N, C-alpha and C. Protein backbone atom coordinates (compact mmCIF):
# COMPACT_ATOMS: atom_id res chain seq x y z
N MET A 1 4.97 31.04 8.49
CA MET A 1 4.71 30.14 7.39
C MET A 1 5.35 30.73 6.13
N GLY A 2 6.11 29.91 5.42
CA GLY A 2 6.81 30.37 4.23
C GLY A 2 5.90 30.42 3.01
N MET A 3 6.43 31.04 1.96
CA MET A 3 5.68 31.17 0.71
C MET A 3 5.32 29.80 0.14
N SER A 4 6.24 28.83 0.22
CA SER A 4 5.97 27.49 -0.29
C SER A 4 4.82 26.84 0.46
N GLU A 5 4.80 26.98 1.79
CA GLU A 5 3.73 26.37 2.58
C GLU A 5 2.38 27.00 2.24
N GLU A 6 2.35 28.31 2.05
CA GLU A 6 1.10 28.98 1.68
C GLU A 6 0.60 28.48 0.33
N LYS A 7 1.52 28.30 -0.60
CA LYS A 7 1.14 27.81 -1.92
C LYS A 7 0.64 26.36 -1.83
N LEU A 8 1.26 25.55 -0.97
CA LEU A 8 0.81 24.17 -0.77
C LEU A 8 -0.59 24.13 -0.16
N ILE A 9 -0.84 24.99 0.82
CA ILE A 9 -2.17 25.04 1.45
C ILE A 9 -3.22 25.43 0.42
N SER A 10 -2.89 26.42 -0.40
CA SER A 10 -3.81 26.85 -1.45
C SER A 10 -4.07 25.73 -2.45
N PHE A 11 -3.00 25.02 -2.83
CA PHE A 11 -3.14 23.91 -3.78
C PHE A 11 -4.01 22.80 -3.19
N LEU A 12 -3.83 22.51 -1.91
CA LEU A 12 -4.64 21.48 -1.25
C LEU A 12 -6.12 21.88 -1.24
N LYS A 13 -6.40 23.17 -1.02
CA LYS A 13 -7.79 23.63 -0.95
C LYS A 13 -8.43 23.78 -2.32
N THR A 14 -7.69 24.29 -3.30
CA THR A 14 -8.31 24.66 -4.57
C THR A 14 -7.94 23.76 -5.75
N GLY A 15 -6.90 22.96 -5.61
CA GLY A 15 -6.48 22.09 -6.71
C GLY A 15 -7.49 20.98 -6.95
N SER A 16 -7.59 20.55 -8.19
CA SER A 16 -8.50 19.44 -8.49
C SER A 16 -7.86 18.12 -8.09
N ASP A 17 -8.68 17.11 -7.88
CA ASP A 17 -8.18 15.79 -7.50
C ASP A 17 -7.20 15.28 -8.54
N TRP A 18 -6.12 14.73 -8.11
CA TRP A 18 -5.04 14.17 -8.93
C TRP A 18 -4.27 15.24 -9.72
N ALA A 19 -4.47 16.52 -9.37
CA ALA A 19 -3.71 17.59 -10.03
C ALA A 19 -2.24 17.47 -9.66
N ARG A 20 -1.38 17.87 -10.59
CA ARG A 20 0.06 17.79 -10.40
C ARG A 20 0.64 19.21 -10.47
N LEU A 21 1.41 19.59 -9.46
CA LEU A 21 2.04 20.90 -9.39
C LEU A 21 3.54 20.73 -9.56
N LYS A 22 4.11 21.41 -10.57
CA LYS A 22 5.56 21.35 -10.78
C LYS A 22 6.28 22.05 -9.64
N THR A 23 7.50 21.64 -9.38
CA THR A 23 8.37 22.33 -8.43
C THR A 23 9.61 22.80 -9.20
N THR A 24 10.49 23.50 -8.51
CA THR A 24 11.71 23.97 -9.15
C THR A 24 12.75 22.86 -9.30
N VAL A 25 12.47 21.69 -8.75
CA VAL A 25 13.37 20.54 -8.89
C VAL A 25 12.83 19.64 -9.99
N PRO A 26 13.56 19.48 -11.10
CA PRO A 26 13.06 18.65 -12.20
C PRO A 26 12.76 17.23 -11.74
N GLY A 27 11.55 16.77 -12.07
CA GLY A 27 11.16 15.41 -11.72
C GLY A 27 10.49 15.28 -10.37
N VAL A 28 10.36 16.38 -9.62
CA VAL A 28 9.68 16.36 -8.33
C VAL A 28 8.41 17.21 -8.44
N PHE A 29 7.26 16.59 -8.15
CA PHE A 29 5.97 17.24 -8.29
C PHE A 29 5.18 17.08 -7.00
N ILE A 30 4.22 17.97 -6.79
CA ILE A 30 3.25 17.85 -5.70
C ILE A 30 1.97 17.31 -6.34
N LEU A 31 1.40 16.31 -5.72
CA LEU A 31 0.21 15.65 -6.24
C LEU A 31 -0.91 15.79 -5.21
N LYS A 32 -2.09 16.22 -5.67
CA LYS A 32 -3.23 16.30 -4.75
C LYS A 32 -4.02 15.00 -4.83
N LEU A 33 -4.02 14.29 -3.73
CA LEU A 33 -4.76 13.04 -3.64
C LEU A 33 -6.19 13.35 -3.20
N PRO A 34 -7.18 12.72 -3.79
CA PRO A 34 -8.57 13.01 -3.42
C PRO A 34 -8.93 12.42 -2.05
N ALA A 35 -9.99 12.97 -1.48
CA ALA A 35 -10.53 12.40 -0.23
C ALA A 35 -11.01 10.98 -0.54
N TYR A 36 -10.84 10.09 0.44
CA TYR A 36 -11.25 8.70 0.24
C TYR A 36 -11.84 8.17 1.54
N LYS A 37 -13.08 7.76 1.48
CA LYS A 37 -13.83 7.27 2.64
C LYS A 37 -13.73 8.30 3.77
N SER A 38 -13.13 7.95 4.90
CA SER A 38 -13.04 8.90 6.03
C SER A 38 -11.75 9.72 6.01
N SER A 39 -10.91 9.52 5.02
CA SER A 39 -9.64 10.25 4.91
C SER A 39 -9.82 11.51 4.07
N PRO A 40 -9.37 12.67 4.55
CA PRO A 40 -9.52 13.90 3.77
C PRO A 40 -8.52 13.95 2.60
N ALA A 41 -8.71 14.90 1.71
CA ALA A 41 -7.76 15.12 0.61
C ALA A 41 -6.38 15.40 1.21
N ARG A 42 -5.35 14.94 0.53
CA ARG A 42 -3.98 15.09 1.03
C ARG A 42 -3.05 15.45 -0.11
N LEU A 43 -1.87 15.92 0.27
CA LEU A 43 -0.81 16.17 -0.70
C LEU A 43 0.22 15.05 -0.59
N ALA A 44 0.84 14.74 -1.71
CA ALA A 44 1.92 13.77 -1.75
C ALA A 44 2.98 14.31 -2.70
N VAL A 45 4.16 13.73 -2.64
CA VAL A 45 5.23 14.08 -3.55
C VAL A 45 5.32 12.98 -4.59
N GLU A 46 5.40 13.37 -5.85
CA GLU A 46 5.55 12.41 -6.94
C GLU A 46 6.93 12.60 -7.57
N LEU A 47 7.65 11.50 -7.71
CA LEU A 47 8.93 11.50 -8.41
C LEU A 47 8.67 10.91 -9.78
N ASN A 48 8.94 11.69 -10.82
CA ASN A 48 8.62 11.27 -12.17
C ASN A 48 9.65 11.90 -13.12
N PRO A 49 10.45 11.08 -13.81
CA PRO A 49 11.45 11.65 -14.72
C PRO A 49 10.80 12.60 -15.72
N VAL A 50 11.56 13.62 -16.12
CA VAL A 50 11.03 14.62 -17.06
C VAL A 50 11.83 14.64 -18.36
N ASP A 51 11.18 15.17 -19.40
CA ASP A 51 11.87 15.32 -20.68
C ASP A 51 12.57 16.69 -20.71
N ASP A 52 13.07 17.09 -21.87
CA ASP A 52 13.82 18.35 -22.00
C ASP A 52 12.99 19.58 -21.66
N SER A 53 11.66 19.49 -21.84
CA SER A 53 10.80 20.64 -21.54
C SER A 53 10.29 20.64 -20.10
N GLY A 54 10.69 19.63 -19.28
CA GLY A 54 10.25 19.56 -17.89
C GLY A 54 8.93 18.84 -17.71
N THR A 55 8.43 18.21 -18.75
CA THR A 55 7.17 17.48 -18.70
C THR A 55 7.42 16.05 -18.24
N PRO A 56 6.59 15.52 -17.32
CA PRO A 56 6.78 14.15 -16.86
C PRO A 56 6.76 13.16 -18.02
N THR A 57 7.62 12.15 -17.94
CA THR A 57 7.69 11.15 -19.00
C THR A 57 6.78 9.96 -18.74
N LYS A 58 6.27 9.83 -17.55
CA LYS A 58 5.38 8.72 -17.19
C LYS A 58 4.01 9.29 -16.83
N LYS A 59 2.97 8.49 -17.03
CA LYS A 59 1.63 8.92 -16.65
C LYS A 59 1.57 9.16 -15.14
N ARG A 60 2.15 8.26 -14.38
CA ARG A 60 2.21 8.39 -12.93
C ARG A 60 3.57 7.92 -12.47
N GLY A 61 4.21 8.70 -11.63
CA GLY A 61 5.52 8.35 -11.11
C GLY A 61 5.42 7.65 -9.76
N LEU A 62 6.50 7.68 -9.02
CA LEU A 62 6.56 7.11 -7.68
C LEU A 62 5.94 8.11 -6.72
N VAL A 63 4.87 7.73 -6.04
CA VAL A 63 4.15 8.62 -5.13
C VAL A 63 4.60 8.35 -3.71
N LEU A 64 5.09 9.40 -3.06
CA LEU A 64 5.53 9.32 -1.67
C LEU A 64 4.56 10.10 -0.80
N ARG A 65 3.93 9.42 0.14
CA ARG A 65 2.92 10.05 0.98
C ARG A 65 3.47 10.55 2.30
N SER A 66 4.71 10.19 2.64
CA SER A 66 5.30 10.62 3.91
C SER A 66 6.82 10.53 3.85
N PHE A 67 7.46 11.18 4.81
CA PHE A 67 8.92 11.10 4.91
C PHE A 67 9.36 9.67 5.19
N ASN A 68 8.57 8.94 5.97
CA ASN A 68 8.89 7.55 6.29
C ASN A 68 8.93 6.68 5.02
N GLU A 69 8.00 6.91 4.09
CA GLU A 69 8.02 6.17 2.83
C GLU A 69 9.30 6.47 2.04
N LEU A 70 9.73 7.73 2.06
CA LEU A 70 10.98 8.08 1.39
C LEU A 70 12.14 7.28 1.96
N GLU A 71 12.22 7.19 3.26
CA GLU A 71 13.29 6.43 3.91
C GLU A 71 13.24 4.96 3.52
N GLU A 72 12.03 4.40 3.43
CA GLU A 72 11.88 3.00 3.03
C GLU A 72 12.36 2.78 1.60
N TYR A 73 12.01 3.69 0.69
CA TYR A 73 12.46 3.56 -0.70
C TYR A 73 13.96 3.75 -0.82
N LYS A 74 14.52 4.67 -0.04
CA LYS A 74 15.97 4.87 -0.09
C LYS A 74 16.70 3.57 0.27
N THR A 75 16.17 2.83 1.22
CA THR A 75 16.75 1.54 1.59
C THR A 75 16.65 0.56 0.43
N LEU A 76 15.49 0.51 -0.22
CA LEU A 76 15.31 -0.41 -1.35
C LEU A 76 16.25 -0.09 -2.51
N PHE A 77 16.47 1.19 -2.79
CA PHE A 77 17.34 1.59 -3.89
C PHE A 77 18.80 1.22 -3.66
N GLN A 78 19.17 0.94 -2.42
CA GLN A 78 20.57 0.63 -2.10
C GLN A 78 20.93 -0.84 -2.31
N TYR A 79 19.95 -1.69 -2.57
CA TYR A 79 20.26 -3.11 -2.77
C TYR A 79 21.13 -3.30 -4.00
N ASP A 80 22.22 -4.04 -3.85
CA ASP A 80 23.18 -4.25 -4.94
C ASP A 80 22.57 -5.02 -6.11
N LYS A 81 21.58 -5.83 -5.86
CA LYS A 81 21.00 -6.67 -6.91
C LYS A 81 19.97 -5.93 -7.76
N LEU A 82 19.57 -4.73 -7.35
CA LEU A 82 18.55 -4.00 -8.08
C LEU A 82 19.04 -3.56 -9.46
N ALA A 83 20.23 -2.97 -9.55
CA ALA A 83 20.75 -2.49 -10.83
C ALA A 83 20.93 -3.62 -11.85
N PRO A 84 21.57 -4.75 -11.48
CA PRO A 84 21.68 -5.84 -12.46
C PRO A 84 20.32 -6.39 -12.91
N LEU A 85 19.37 -6.44 -11.99
CA LEU A 85 18.03 -6.90 -12.34
C LEU A 85 17.41 -5.97 -13.38
N LEU A 86 17.50 -4.67 -13.16
CA LEU A 86 16.93 -3.71 -14.10
C LEU A 86 17.65 -3.74 -15.45
N LYS A 87 18.94 -3.98 -15.46
CA LYS A 87 19.68 -4.11 -16.73
C LYS A 87 19.18 -5.32 -17.51
N SER A 88 18.89 -6.41 -16.81
CA SER A 88 18.34 -7.60 -17.47
C SER A 88 16.96 -7.31 -18.05
N VAL A 89 16.14 -6.59 -17.28
CA VAL A 89 14.81 -6.23 -17.75
C VAL A 89 14.91 -5.33 -18.97
N ASP A 90 15.85 -4.37 -18.96
CA ASP A 90 16.06 -3.47 -20.11
C ASP A 90 16.42 -4.25 -21.37
N LYS A 91 17.25 -5.28 -21.24
CA LYS A 91 17.65 -6.08 -22.40
C LYS A 91 16.46 -6.82 -23.01
N LEU A 92 15.55 -7.28 -22.15
CA LEU A 92 14.43 -8.10 -22.60
C LEU A 92 13.25 -7.29 -23.13
N ASN A 93 13.04 -6.10 -22.61
CA ASN A 93 11.88 -5.29 -23.01
C ASN A 93 12.13 -4.56 -24.32
N PRO A 94 11.09 -4.38 -25.14
CA PRO A 94 11.25 -3.57 -26.35
C PRO A 94 11.41 -2.10 -25.97
N PRO A 95 12.03 -1.29 -26.85
CA PRO A 95 12.23 0.13 -26.53
C PRO A 95 10.88 0.86 -26.43
N MET A 96 10.85 1.92 -25.61
CA MET A 96 9.62 2.69 -25.41
C MET A 96 9.65 3.95 -26.27
N LYS A 97 8.46 4.39 -26.70
CA LYS A 97 8.32 5.63 -27.47
C LYS A 97 8.18 6.81 -26.52
N LYS A 98 8.68 7.98 -26.93
CA LYS A 98 8.57 9.18 -26.11
C LYS A 98 7.41 10.04 -26.61
N ALA A 99 6.64 10.60 -25.66
CA ALA A 99 5.50 11.46 -25.98
C ALA A 99 5.88 12.93 -25.79
N VAL A 100 5.22 13.80 -26.52
CA VAL A 100 5.44 15.25 -26.41
C VAL A 100 4.20 15.87 -25.81
N LYS A 101 4.38 16.73 -24.76
CA LYS A 101 3.25 17.36 -24.09
C LYS A 101 3.43 18.87 -24.06
N ALA A 102 2.32 19.59 -23.83
CA ALA A 102 2.33 21.06 -23.79
C ALA A 102 2.87 21.58 -22.46
N GLU A 103 3.28 22.87 -22.46
CA GLU A 103 3.79 23.52 -21.26
C GLU A 103 2.79 24.52 -20.72
N GLY A 104 3.23 25.39 -19.81
CA GLY A 104 2.40 26.46 -19.27
C GLY A 104 1.79 26.18 -17.92
N GLU A 105 2.45 25.39 -17.09
CA GLU A 105 1.91 25.04 -15.77
C GLU A 105 2.51 25.90 -14.69
N GLU A 106 1.82 25.97 -13.55
CA GLU A 106 2.29 26.67 -12.38
C GLU A 106 3.44 25.87 -11.75
N VAL A 107 4.41 26.57 -11.13
CA VAL A 107 5.58 25.92 -10.55
C VAL A 107 5.72 26.31 -9.10
N LEU A 108 6.00 25.33 -8.21
CA LEU A 108 6.25 25.58 -6.80
C LEU A 108 7.74 25.62 -6.57
N GLU A 109 8.25 26.70 -5.99
CA GLU A 109 9.68 26.81 -5.69
C GLU A 109 9.96 26.10 -4.38
N ILE A 110 10.91 25.13 -4.43
CA ILE A 110 11.28 24.42 -3.19
C ILE A 110 12.76 24.53 -2.94
């Protein structure tokens, strides 16, 4: 078992619900999902753009619970009509304000 896996196991056991663990890849985080009904607590990967200090720019990013979900999203991102649609949405929406957050979090090397 590698150092990353040991750190993930520790995070799953000791991290608080909805805690976010930074990784060495900007915008890629590990998210601890809480136990729900008969399902135990789990880890997921969150994709969330970051600012210059490495802090997520969104309250919650895209949460991927499995490799299969990643494959499904990769297919969706390849649609030719997605980019023009988002450009139209950008033109219509008012500009968003940027927030500043503090640093000092633990980082997972991947």
